[in-house]
Amino acid sequence: MSSRSRTTTRAEEGRRRTPPTVREQDERRFKELRQTAEETAEGRLLLATLRIRIREKSPWTGPFSRAHPGVVIEVLNRSEVGRDRMVSDHWISGRPPGVWAREISGFADVSKVDSLAEVGEGSIYRVTYRNPPIVHLYRRLRLPIHFPLRIQAGFIRWEVVARRSEFEAVIQHARDVDPGFQVVSIRRRALRSHLPLLTDAQQELLNHAMAAGYFAVPRSITLTELARQLDRSKSGVSEAIAIIERKLLESALRPASLVP
């Protein structure tokens, strides 16, 4: 073999040993994602974890987390407050209770901030703010949002769990928000009847009860007051909430609710 041939062979071997770049890894994941979507029947679930850059101005978690890149935010839940607003509990790392409340309340899409408690190495804030576009999409598709959502330095880790057509709509929305979004993981599992878990009436009652503070610790509204707000009997509301709690508990305790 000539010296030139040996040099060429060593160069080729070096290229083969070079680890893939981030762009190459993303391209491979996108290819897997497209293949998985094409191969998945409508009766099965697609699951993917995405890393998406939040837009510059809205929601407030984007600019806030970019201003404090070392701070971790975990969105723990959400409830509807009318058609265009939501209330969510956010665990924010690194500061004692109340420190971030004034800054958060200064964002244009935020209407109310309550500092609840210090938990671990951070604090919980209850924030009422305008629904981001993803919420309207999920509402239209009738998909549940999976919590907690983790946000840091302007990026959110979002887990998509949906049937094929719904999944493609969510992926397209992610691409519109952040053309450079990353697919962290992909998997595929069978669809079970827990999606959707609650009826529309049960979901509406749960949202109202959470927004009113019925599930807060300490509780900020009694069952009697909640029933009066809903113009329903106390016993009827109590029974309906008990059914909702049982459904949610059964789902949480069923580790095989999604099986390969």
Foldseek 3Di string as FASTA:
>chain_A
DDPVVVVVVVVVVVVVPDDDDPVVVQVVVVVVVVVCLVPDDQQWKKKFKKKFFADCAPDPLQVVQLVVQVKKKWWADWFDDPDWKIKTKIWIAADAWPPCQVVSCPRPFWDDKDWDHADDRTTIIITMGTDDPVVVLCVVVLFDFDGTWMDGNRIIIGMDIHGSVSVVVVVVVRCVRHVPMGTPDIDMWGDDPVVVVDDPVLSNLVSQCVVCQCVPVVGPDDLCRSCVVVVHDSVVSVVSVVVVVVSVVVVVPDPVRTPD
